[in-house]
Each structure stands twice: as structure tokens, then as C-alpha cells.
Amino acid sequence: KAILIIILLTISGCGAGVSTETAKKPTS
């Protein structure tokens, strides 16, 4: 159970960053 919780927390934490594909870039 502890390992499963650590894996789930690690996976969910990885998605918190902003990807370069979805970040709004200033328009040209």
C-alpha cells in the first residue's frame, strides 16, 4: 500500500508542470 501511494503521488506530481505545448506564447 505504501509503495502504491508513493507511485500515485509521484505520477500525479509530474503533471503539475506546464508543458511547452500548452503554454501561451506571445503572438507575432
mmCIF file of all heavy atoms, coordinates in Angstrom:
data_MODEL
# 
_entry.id   MODEL 
# 
loop_
_atom_site.group_PDB 
_atom_site.id 
_atom_site.type_symbol 
_atom_site.label_atom_id 
_atom_site.label_alt_id 
_atom_site.label_comp_id 
_atom_site.label_asym_id 
_atom_site.label_entity_id 
_atom_site.label_seq_id 
_atom_site.pdbx_PDB_ins_code 
_atom_site.Cartn_x 
_atom_site.Cartn_y 
_atom_site.Cartn_z 
_atom_site.occupancy 
_atom_site.B_iso_or_equiv 
_atom_site.pdbx_formal_charge 
_atom_site.auth_seq_id 
_atom_site.auth_comp_id 
_atom_site.auth_asym_id 
_atom_site.auth_atom_id 
_atom_site.pdbx_PDB_model_num 
ATOM 1   N N   . LYS A 1 1  ? 0.829  -1.205 0.000   1.00 0.00 ? 1  LYS A N   1 
ATOM 2   C CA  . LYS A 1 1  ? 0.000  0.000  0.000   1.00 0.00 ? 1  LYS A CA  1 
ATOM 3   C C   . LYS A 1 1  ? 0.864  1.255  0.000   1.00 0.00 ? 1  LYS A C   1 
ATOM 4   O O   . LYS A 1 1  ? 0.577  2.218  -0.710  1.00 0.00 ? 1  LYS A O   1 
ATOM 5   C CB  . LYS A 1 1  ? -0.914 0.009  1.224   1.00 0.00 ? 1  LYS A CB  1 
ATOM 6   C CG  . LYS A 1 1  ? -2.183 -0.708 1.048   1.00 0.00 ? 1  LYS A CG  1 
ATOM 7   C CD  . LYS A 1 1  ? -3.035 -0.472 2.268   1.00 0.00 ? 1  LYS A CD  1 
ATOM 8   C CE  . LYS A 1 1  ? -4.349 -1.174 2.164   1.00 0.00 ? 1  LYS A CE  1 
ATOM 9   N NZ  . LYS A 1 1  ? -5.159 -0.987 3.343   1.00 0.00 ? 1  LYS A NZ  1 
ATOM 10  N N   . ALA A 1 2  ? 1.916  1.256  0.783   1.00 0.00 ? 2  ALA A N   1 
ATOM 11  C CA  . ALA A 1 2  ? 2.803  2.421  0.865   1.00 0.00 ? 2  ALA A CA  1 
ATOM 12  C C   . ALA A 1 2  ? 3.492  2.686  -0.464  1.00 0.00 ? 2  ALA A C   1 
ATOM 13  O O   . ALA A 1 2  ? 3.614  3.827  -0.907  1.00 0.00 ? 2  ALA A O   1 
ATOM 14  C CB  . ALA A 1 2  ? 3.826  2.225  1.983   1.00 0.00 ? 2  ALA A CB  1 
ATOM 15  N N   . ILE A 1 3  ? 3.936  1.620  -1.126  1.00 0.00 ? 3  ILE A N   1 
ATOM 16  C CA  . ILE A 1 3  ? 4.597  1.773  -2.425  1.00 0.00 ? 3  ILE A CA  1 
ATOM 17  C C   . ILE A 1 3  ? 3.596  2.292  -3.452  1.00 0.00 ? 3  ILE A C   1 
ATOM 18  O O   . ILE A 1 3  ? 3.909  3.170  -4.248  1.00 0.00 ? 3  ILE A O   1 
ATOM 19  C CB  . ILE A 1 3  ? 5.229  0.430  -2.866  1.00 0.00 ? 3  ILE A CB  1 
ATOM 20  C CG1 . ILE A 1 3  ? 6.404  0.084  -1.954  1.00 0.00 ? 3  ILE A CG1 1 
ATOM 21  C CG2 . ILE A 1 3  ? 5.688  0.496  -4.313  1.00 0.00 ? 3  ILE A CG2 1 
ATOM 22  C CD1 . ILE A 1 3  ? 7.025  -1.265 -2.196  1.00 0.00 ? 3  ILE A CD1 1 
ATOM 23  N N   . LEU A 1 4  ? 2.383  1.753  -3.430  1.00 0.00 ? 4  LEU A N   1 
ATOM 24  C CA  . LEU A 1 4  ? 1.347  2.196  -4.352  1.00 0.00 ? 4  LEU A CA  1 
ATOM 25  C C   . LEU A 1 4  ? 1.024  3.681  -4.151  1.00 0.00 ? 4  LEU A C   1 
ATOM 26  O O   . LEU A 1 4  ? 0.896  4.446  -5.112  1.00 0.00 ? 4  LEU A O   1 
ATOM 27  C CB  . LEU A 1 4  ? 0.082  1.335  -4.173  1.00 0.00 ? 4  LEU A CB  1 
ATOM 28  C CG  . LEU A 1 4  ? -1.070 1.631  -5.119  1.00 0.00 ? 4  LEU A CG  1 
ATOM 29  C CD1 . LEU A 1 4  ? -0.653 1.488  -6.567  1.00 0.00 ? 4  LEU A CD1 1 
ATOM 30  C CD2 . LEU A 1 4  ? -2.253 0.746  -4.818  1.00 0.00 ? 4  LEU A CD2 1 
ATOM 31  N N   . ILE A 1 5  ? 0.937  4.115  -2.905  1.00 0.00 ? 5  ILE A N   1 
ATOM 32  C CA  . ILE A 1 5  ? 0.669  5.528  -2.601  1.00 0.00 ? 5  ILE A CA  1 
ATOM 33  C C   . ILE A 1 5  ? 1.809  6.401  -3.096  1.00 0.00 ? 5  ILE A C   1 
ATOM 34  O O   . ILE A 1 5  ? 1.590  7.464  -3.710  1.00 0.00 ? 5  ILE A O   1 
ATOM 35  C CB  . ILE A 1 5  ? 0.409  5.719  -1.094  1.00 0.00 ? 5  ILE A CB  1 
ATOM 36  C CG1 . ILE A 1 5  ? -0.934 5.060  -0.729  1.00 0.00 ? 5  ILE A CG1 1 
ATOM 37  C CG2 . ILE A 1 5  ? 0.410  7.188  -0.722  1.00 0.00 ? 5  ILE A CG2 1 
ATOM 38  C CD1 . ILE A 1 5  ? -1.225 5.034  0.747   1.00 0.00 ? 5  ILE A CD1 1 
ATOM 39  N N   . ILE A 1 6  ? 3.029  5.988  -2.900  1.00 0.00 ? 6  ILE A N   1 
ATOM 40  C CA  . ILE A 1 6  ? 4.199  6.762  -3.353  1.00 0.00 ? 6  ILE A CA  1 
ATOM 41  C C   . ILE A 1 6  ? 4.205  6.858  -4.872  1.00 0.00 ? 6  ILE A C   1 
ATOM 42  O O   . ILE A 1 6  ? 4.450  7.925  -5.438  1.00 0.00 ? 6  ILE A O   1 
ATOM 43  C CB  . ILE A 1 6  ? 5.513  6.132  -2.819  1.00 0.00 ? 6  ILE A CB  1 
ATOM 44  C CG1 . ILE A 1 6  ? 5.585  6.311  -1.301  1.00 0.00 ? 6  ILE A CG1 1 
ATOM 45  C CG2 . ILE A 1 6  ? 6.729  6.732  -3.510  1.00 0.00 ? 6  ILE A CG2 1 
ATOM 46  C CD1 . ILE A 1 6  ? 6.733  5.584  -0.645  1.00 0.00 ? 6  ILE A CD1 1 
ATOM 47  N N   . ILE A 1 7  ? 3.872  5.754  -5.548  1.00 0.00 ? 7  ILE A N   1 
ATOM 48  C CA  . ILE A 1 7  ? 3.836  5.761  -7.023  1.00 0.00 ? 7  ILE A CA  1 
ATOM 49  C C   . ILE A 1 7  ? 2.750  6.724  -7.509  1.00 0.00 ? 7  ILE A C   1 
ATOM 50  O O   . ILE A 1 7  ? 2.976  7.528  -8.412  1.00 0.00 ? 7  ILE A O   1 
ATOM 51  C CB  . ILE A 1 7  ? 3.625  4.338  -7.575  1.00 0.00 ? 7  ILE A CB  1 
ATOM 52  C CG1 . ILE A 1 7  ? 4.881  3.482  -7.317  1.00 0.00 ? 7  ILE A CG1 1 
ATOM 53  C CG2 . ILE A 1 7  ? 3.304  4.366  -9.064  1.00 0.00 ? 7  ILE A CG2 1 
ATOM 54  C CD1 . ILE A 1 7  ? 4.730  2.015  -7.657  1.00 0.00 ? 7  ILE A CD1 1 
ATOM 55  N N   . LEU A 1 8  ? 1.558  6.661  -6.893  1.00 0.00 ? 8  LEU A N   1 
ATOM 56  C CA  . LEU A 1 8  ? 0.462  7.544  -7.288  1.00 0.00 ? 8  LEU A CA  1 
ATOM 57  C C   . LEU A 1 8  ? 0.808  9.013  -7.051  1.00 0.00 ? 8  LEU A C   1 
ATOM 58  O O   . LEU A 1 8  ? 0.516  9.876  -7.872  1.00 0.00 ? 8  LEU A O   1 
ATOM 59  C CB  . LEU A 1 8  ? -0.823 7.171  -6.549  1.00 0.00 ? 8  LEU A CB  1 
ATOM 60  C CG  . LEU A 1 8  ? -1.486 5.862  -6.980  1.00 0.00 ? 8  LEU A CG  1 
ATOM 61  C CD1 . LEU A 1 8  ? -2.678 5.534  -6.083  1.00 0.00 ? 8  LEU A CD1 1 
ATOM 62  C CD2 . LEU A 1 8  ? -1.931 5.952  -8.429  1.00 0.00 ? 8  LEU A CD2 1 
ATOM 63  N N   . LEU A 1 9  ? 1.415  9.320  -5.928  1.00 0.00 ? 9  LEU A N   1 
ATOM 64  C CA  . LEU A 1 9  ? 1.819  10.701 -5.645  1.00 0.00 ? 9  LEU A CA  1 
ATOM 65  C C   . LEU A 1 9  ? 2.870  11.181 -6.638  1.00 0.00 ? 9  LEU A C   1 
ATOM 66  O O   . LEU A 1 9  ? 2.843  12.328 -7.087  1.00 0.00 ? 9  LEU A O   1 
ATOM 67  C CB  . LEU A 1 9  ? 2.325  10.833 -4.206  1.00 0.00 ? 9  LEU A CB  1 
ATOM 68  C CG  . LEU A 1 9  ? 1.248  10.746 -3.121  1.00 0.00 ? 9  LEU A CG  1 
ATOM 69  C CD1 . LEU A 1 9  ? 1.911  10.742 -1.740  1.00 0.00 ? 9  LEU A CD1 1 
ATOM 70  C CD2 . LEU A 1 9  ? 0.275  11.885 -3.232  1.00 0.00 ? 9  LEU A CD2 1 
ATOM 71  N N   . THR A 1 10 ? 3.784  10.323 -6.991  1.00 0.00 ? 10 THR A N   1 
ATOM 72  C CA  . THR A 1 10 ? 4.839  10.687 -7.937  1.00 0.00 ? 10 THR A CA  1 
ATOM 73  C C   . THR A 1 10 ? 4.236  10.959 -9.313  1.00 0.00 ? 10 THR A C   1 
ATOM 74  O O   . THR A 1 10 ? 4.569  11.943 -9.971  1.00 0.00 ? 10 THR A O   1 
ATOM 75  C CB  . THR A 1 10 ? 5.896  9.570  -8.021  1.00 0.00 ? 10 THR A CB  1 
ATOM 76  O OG1 . THR A 1 10 ? 6.420  9.325  -6.723  1.00 0.00 ? 10 THR A OG1 1 
ATOM 77  C CG2 . THR A 1 10 ? 7.025  9.949  -8.969  1.00 0.00 ? 10 THR A CG2 1 
ATOM 78  N N   . ILE A 1 11 ? 3.329  10.096 -9.747  1.00 0.00 ? 11 ILE A N   1 
ATOM 79  C CA  . ILE A 1 11 ? 2.701  10.262 -11.063 1.00 0.00 ? 11 ILE A CA  1 
ATOM 80  C C   . ILE A 1 11 ? 1.858  11.528 -11.104 1.00 0.00 ? 11 ILE A C   1 
ATOM 81  O O   . ILE A 1 11 ? 1.936  12.321 -12.042 1.00 0.00 ? 11 ILE A O   1 
ATOM 82  C CB  . ILE A 1 11 ? 1.848  9.030  -11.428 1.00 0.00 ? 11 ILE A CB  1 
ATOM 83  C CG1 . ILE A 1 11 ? 2.761  7.825  -11.668 1.00 0.00 ? 11 ILE A CG1 1 
ATOM 84  C CG2 . ILE A 1 11 ? 0.994  9.303  -12.654 1.00 0.00 ? 11 ILE A CG2 1 
ATOM 85  C CD1 . ILE A 1 11 ? 2.014  6.515  -11.851 1.00 0.00 ? 11 ILE A CD1 1 
ATOM 86  N N   . SER A 1 12 ? 1.054  11.766 -10.069 1.00 0.00 ? 12 SER A N   1 
ATOM 87  C CA  . SER A 1 12 ? 0.206  12.952 -10.066 1.00 0.00 ? 12 SER A CA  1 
ATOM 88  C C   . SER A 1 12 ? 1.025  14.230 -9.953  1.00 0.00 ? 12 SER A C   1 
ATOM 89  O O   . SER A 1 12 ? 0.659  15.261 -10.483 1.00 0.00 ? 12 SER A O   1 
ATOM 90  C CB  . SER A 1 12 ? -0.843 12.878 -8.946  1.00 0.00 ? 12 SER A CB  1 
ATOM 91  O OG  . SER A 1 12 ? -0.216 12.917 -7.680  1.00 0.00 ? 12 SER A OG  1 
ATOM 92  N N   . GLY A 1 13 ? 2.147  14.175 -9.301  1.00 0.00 ? 13 GLY A N   1 
ATOM 93  C CA  . GLY A 1 13 ? 3.008  15.357 -9.173  1.00 0.00 ? 13 GLY A CA  1 
ATOM 94  C C   . GLY A 1 13 ? 3.691  15.714 -10.465 1.00 0.00 ? 13 GLY A C   1 
ATOM 95  O O   . GLY A 1 13 ? 4.033  16.864 -10.713 1.00 0.00 ? 13 GLY A O   1 
ATOM 96  N N   . CYS A 1 14 ? 3.901  14.745 -11.341 1.00 0.00 ? 14 CYS A N   1 
ATOM 97  C CA  . CYS A 1 14 ? 4.589  15.003 -12.603 1.00 0.00 ? 14 CYS A CA  1 
ATOM 98  C C   . CYS A 1 14 ? 3.755  15.856 -13.540 1.00 0.00 ? 14 CYS A C   1 
ATOM 99  O O   . CYS A 1 14 ? 4.271  16.569 -14.371 1.00 0.00 ? 14 CYS A O   1 
ATOM 100 C CB  . CYS A 1 14 ? 4.938  13.685 -13.299 1.00 0.00 ? 14 CYS A CB  1 
ATOM 101 S SG  . CYS A 1 14 ? 6.265  12.803 -12.474 1.00 0.00 ? 14 CYS A SG  1 
ATOM 102 N N   . GLY A 1 15 ? 2.458  15.796 -13.438 1.00 0.00 ? 15 GLY A N   1 
ATOM 103 C CA  . GLY A 1 15 ? 1.593  16.564 -14.330 1.00 0.00 ? 15 GLY A CA  1 
ATOM 104 C C   . GLY A 1 15 ? 1.403  17.997 -13.890 1.00 0.00 ? 15 GLY A C   1 
ATOM 105 O O   . GLY A 1 15 ? 0.760  18.767 -14.564 1.00 0.00 ? 15 GLY A O   1 
ATOM 106 N N   . ALA A 1 16 ? 1.960  18.413 -12.760 1.00 0.00 ? 16 ALA A N   1 
ATOM 107 C CA  . ALA A 1 16 ? 1.734  19.756 -12.253 1.00 0.00 ? 16 ALA A CA  1 
ATOM 108 C C   . ALA A 1 16 ? 2.470  20.814 -13.052 1.00 0.00 ? 16 ALA A C   1 
ATOM 109 O O   . ALA A 1 16 ? 2.087  21.969 -13.059 1.00 0.00 ? 16 ALA A O   1 
ATOM 110 C CB  . ALA A 1 16 ? 2.149  19.845 -10.785 1.00 0.00 ? 16 ALA A CB  1 
ATOM 111 N N   . GLY A 1 17 ? 3.534  20.472 -13.747 1.00 0.00 ? 17 GLY A N   1 
ATOM 112 C CA  . GLY A 1 17 ? 4.295  21.445 -14.531 1.00 0.00 ? 17 GLY A CA  1 
ATOM 113 C C   . GLY A 1 17 ? 3.540  21.832 -15.792 1.00 0.00 ? 17 GLY A C   1 
ATOM 114 O O   . GLY A 1 17 ? 2.640  21.142 -16.245 1.00 0.00 ? 17 GLY A O   1 
ATOM 115 N N   . VAL A 1 18 ? 3.893  22.969 -16.394 1.00 0.00 ? 18 VAL A N   1 
ATOM 116 C CA  . VAL A 1 18 ? 3.264  23.446 -17.620 1.00 0.00 ? 18 VAL A CA  1 
ATOM 117 C C   . VAL A 1 18 ? 4.088  22.938 -18.787 1.00 0.00 ? 18 VAL A C   1 
ATOM 118 O O   . VAL A 1 18 ? 5.298  23.138 -18.828 1.00 0.00 ? 18 VAL A O   1 
ATOM 119 C CB  . VAL A 1 18 ? 3.200  24.994 -17.638 1.00 0.00 ? 18 VAL A CB  1 
ATOM 120 C CG1 . VAL A 1 18 ? 2.627  25.486 -18.940 1.00 0.00 ? 18 VAL A CG1 1 
ATOM 121 C CG2 . VAL A 1 18 ? 2.411  25.493 -16.453 1.00 0.00 ? 18 VAL A CG2 1 
ATOM 122 N N   . SER A 1 19 ? 3.438  22.259 -19.694 1.00 0.00 ? 19 SER A N   1 
ATOM 123 C CA  . SER A 1 19 ? 4.173  21.768 -20.850 1.00 0.00 ? 19 SER A CA  1 
ATOM 124 C C   . SER A 1 19 ? 4.360  22.908 -21.835 1.00 0.00 ? 19 SER A C   1 
ATOM 125 O O   . SER A 1 19 ? 3.582  23.842 -21.898 1.00 0.00 ? 19 SER A O   1 
ATOM 126 C CB  . SER A 1 19 ? 3.421  20.610 -21.520 1.00 0.00 ? 19 SER A CB  1 
ATOM 127 O OG  . SER A 1 19 ? 2.324  21.100 -22.256 1.00 0.00 ? 19 SER A OG  1 
ATOM 128 N N   . THR A 1 20 ? 5.397  22.805 -22.650 1.00 0.00 ? 20 THR A N   1 
ATOM 129 C CA  . THR A 1 20 ? 5.671  23.846 -23.641 1.00 0.00 ? 20 THR A CA  1 
ATOM 130 C C   . THR A 1 20 ? 4.630  23.835 -24.744 1.00 0.00 ? 20 THR A C   1 
ATOM 131 O O   . THR A 1 20 ? 4.449  24.829 -25.429 1.00 0.00 ? 20 THR A O   1 
ATOM 132 C CB  . THR A 1 20 ? 7.078  23.667 -24.249 1.00 0.00 ? 20 THR A CB  1 
ATOM 133 O OG1 . THR A 1 20 ? 7.165  22.346 -24.805 1.00 0.00 ? 20 THR A OG1 1 
ATOM 134 C CG2 . THR A 1 20 ? 8.152  23.886 -23.209 1.00 0.00 ? 20 THR A CG2 1 
ATOM 135 N N   . GLU A 1 21 ? 3.922  22.738 -24.911 1.00 0.00 ? 21 GLU A N   1 
ATOM 136 C CA  . GLU A 1 21 ? 2.912  22.658 -25.956 1.00 0.00 ? 21 GLU A CA  1 
ATOM 137 C C   . GLU A 1 21 ? 1.648  23.415 -25.572 1.00 0.00 ? 21 GLU A C   1 
ATOM 138 O O   . GLU A 1 21 ? 0.953  23.933 -26.430 1.00 0.00 ? 21 GLU A O   1 
ATOM 139 C CB  . GLU A 1 21 ? 2.583  21.196 -26.247 1.00 0.00 ? 21 GLU A CB  1 
ATOM 140 C CG  . GLU A 1 21 ? 3.780  20.475 -26.839 1.00 0.00 ? 21 GLU A CG  1 
ATOM 141 C CD  . GLU A 1 21 ? 3.634  18.969 -26.746 1.00 0.00 ? 21 GLU A CD  1 
ATOM 142 O OE1 . GLU A 1 21 ? 2.816  18.471 -25.957 1.00 0.00 ? 21 GLU A OE1 1 
ATOM 143 O OE2 . GLU A 1 21 ? 4.371  18.300 -27.461 1.00 0.00 ? 21 GLU A OE2 1 
ATOM 144 N N   . THR A 1 22 ? 1.315  23.495 -24.288 1.00 0.00 ? 22 THR A N   1 
ATOM 145 C CA  . THR A 1 22 ? 0.091  24.167 -23.889 1.00 0.00 ? 22 THR A CA  1 
ATOM 146 C C   . THR A 1 22 ? 0.332  25.578 -23.366 1.00 0.00 ? 22 THR A C   1 
ATOM 147 O O   . THR A 1 22 ? -0.608 26.301 -23.135 1.00 0.00 ? 22 THR A O   1 
ATOM 148 C CB  . THR A 1 22 ? -0.657 23.350 -22.813 1.00 0.00 ? 22 THR A CB  1 
ATOM 149 O OG1 . THR A 1 22 ? 0.202  23.190 -21.691 1.00 0.00 ? 22 THR A OG1 1 
ATOM 150 C CG2 . THR A 1 22 ? -1.086 22.008 -23.357 1.00 0.00 ? 22 THR A CG2 1 
ATOM 151 N N   . ALA A 1 23 ? 1.579  25.965 -23.160 1.00 0.00 ? 23 ALA A N   1 
ATOM 152 C CA  . ALA A 1 23 ? 1.866  27.309 -22.650 1.00 0.00 ? 23 ALA A CA  1 
ATOM 153 C C   . ALA A 1 23 ? 1.545  28.333 -23.732 1.00 0.00 ? 23 ALA A C   1 
ATOM 154 O O   . ALA A 1 23 ? 1.816  28.121 -24.894 1.00 0.00 ? 23 ALA A O   1 
ATOM 155 C CB  . ALA A 1 23 ? 3.330  27.418 -22.247 1.00 0.00 ? 23 ALA A CB  1 
ATOM 156 N N   . LYS A 1 24 ? 0.941  29.461 -23.326 1.00 0.00 ? 24 LYS A N   1 
ATOM 157 C CA  . LYS A 1 24 ? 0.633  30.531 -24.277 1.00 0.00 ? 24 LYS A CA  1 
ATOM 158 C C   . LYS A 1 24 ? 1.909  31.315 -24.558 1.00 0.00 ? 24 LYS A C   1 
ATOM 159 O O   . LYS A 1 24 ? 2.529  31.850 -23.657 1.00 0.00 ? 24 LYS A O   1 
ATOM 160 C CB  . LYS A 1 24 ? -0.442 31.445 -23.705 1.00 0.00 ? 24 LYS A CB  1 
ATOM 161 C CG  . LYS A 1 24 ? -1.780 30.793 -23.657 1.00 0.00 ? 24 LYS A CG  1 
ATOM 162 C CD  . LYS A 1 24 ? -2.827 31.791 -24.009 1.00 0.00 ? 24 LYS A CD  1 
ATOM 163 C CE  . LYS A 1 24 ? -4.139 31.063 -24.084 1.00 0.00 ? 24 LYS A CE  1 
ATOM 164 N NZ  . LYS A 1 24 ? -5.066 31.730 -24.892 1.00 0.00 ? 24 LYS A NZ  1 
ATOM 165 N N   . LYS A 1 25 ? 2.256  31.361 -25.813 1.00 0.00 ? 25 LYS A N   1 
ATOM 166 C CA  . LYS A 1 25 ? 3.411  32.131 -26.232 1.00 0.00 ? 25 LYS A CA  1 
ATOM 167 C C   . LYS A 1 25 ? 2.910  33.488 -26.717 1.00 0.00 ? 25 LYS A C   1 
ATOM 168 O O   . LYS A 1 25 ? 1.822  33.586 -27.274 1.00 0.00 ? 25 LYS A O   1 
ATOM 169 C CB  . LYS A 1 25 ? 4.141  31.416 -27.364 1.00 0.00 ? 25 LYS A CB  1 
ATOM 170 C CG  . LYS A 1 25 ? 4.756  30.111 -26.948 1.00 0.00 ? 25 LYS A CG  1 
ATOM 171 C CD  . LYS A 1 25 ? 5.445  29.461 -28.121 1.00 0.00 ? 25 LYS A CD  1 
ATOM 172 C CE  . LYS A 1 25 ? 5.994  28.100 -27.714 1.00 0.00 ? 25 LYS A CE  1 
ATOM 173 N NZ  . LYS A 1 25 ? 6.578  27.403 -28.835 1.00 0.00 ? 25 LYS A NZ  1 
ATOM 174 N N   . PRO A 1 26 ? 3.698  34.553 -26.548 1.00 0.00 ? 26 PRO A N   1 
ATOM 175 C CA  . PRO A 1 26 ? 3.284  35.857 -27.086 1.00 0.00 ? 26 PRO A CA  1 
ATOM 176 C C   . PRO A 1 26 ? 3.091  35.742 -28.598 1.00 0.00 ? 26 PRO A C   1 
ATOM 177 O O   . PRO A 1 26 ? 3.865  35.083 -29.279 1.00 0.00 ? 26 PRO A O   1 
ATOM 178 C CB  . PRO A 1 26 ? 4.455  36.782 -26.756 1.00 0.00 ? 26 PRO A CB  1 
ATOM 179 C CG  . PRO A 1 26 ? 5.177  36.109 -25.649 1.00 0.00 ? 26 PRO A CG  1 
ATOM 180 C CD  . PRO A 1 26 ? 4.958  34.636 -25.848 1.00 0.00 ? 26 PRO A CD  1 
ATOM 181 N N   . THR A 1 27 ? 2.073  36.376 -29.105 1.00 0.00 ? 27 THR A N   1 
ATOM 182 C CA  . THR A 1 27 ? 1.763  36.293 -30.520 1.00 0.00 ? 27 THR A CA  1 
ATOM 183 C C   . THR A 1 27 ? 2.717  37.148 -31.351 1.00 0.00 ? 27 THR A C   1 
ATOM 184 O O   . THR A 1 27 ? 3.258  38.143 -30.877 1.00 0.00 ? 27 THR A O   1 
ATOM 185 C CB  . THR A 1 27 ? 0.303  36.725 -30.791 1.00 0.00 ? 27 THR A CB  1 
ATOM 186 O OG1 . THR A 1 27 ? 0.060  36.637 -32.201 1.00 0.00 ? 27 THR A OG1 1 
ATOM 187 C CG2 . THR A 1 27 ? 0.029  38.130 -30.334 1.00 0.00 ? 27 THR A CG2 1 
ATOM 188 N N   . SER A 1 28 ? 2.904  36.735 -32.591 1.00 0.00 ? 28 SER A N   1 
ATOM 189 C CA  . SER A 1 28 ? 3.754  37.502 -33.502 1.00 0.00 ? 28 SER A CA  1 
ATOM 190 C C   . SER A 1 28 ? 2.904  38.289 -34.502 1.00 0.00 ? 28 SER A C   1 
ATOM 191 O O   . SER A 1 28 ? 3.434  38.798 -35.485 1.00 0.00 ? 28 SER A O   1 
ATOM 192 C CB  . SER A 1 28 ? 4.708  36.562 -34.244 1.00 0.00 ? 28 SER A CB  1 
ATOM 193 O OG  . SER A 1 28 ? 3.964  35.643 -35.018 1.00 0.00 ? 28 SER A OG  1 
# 
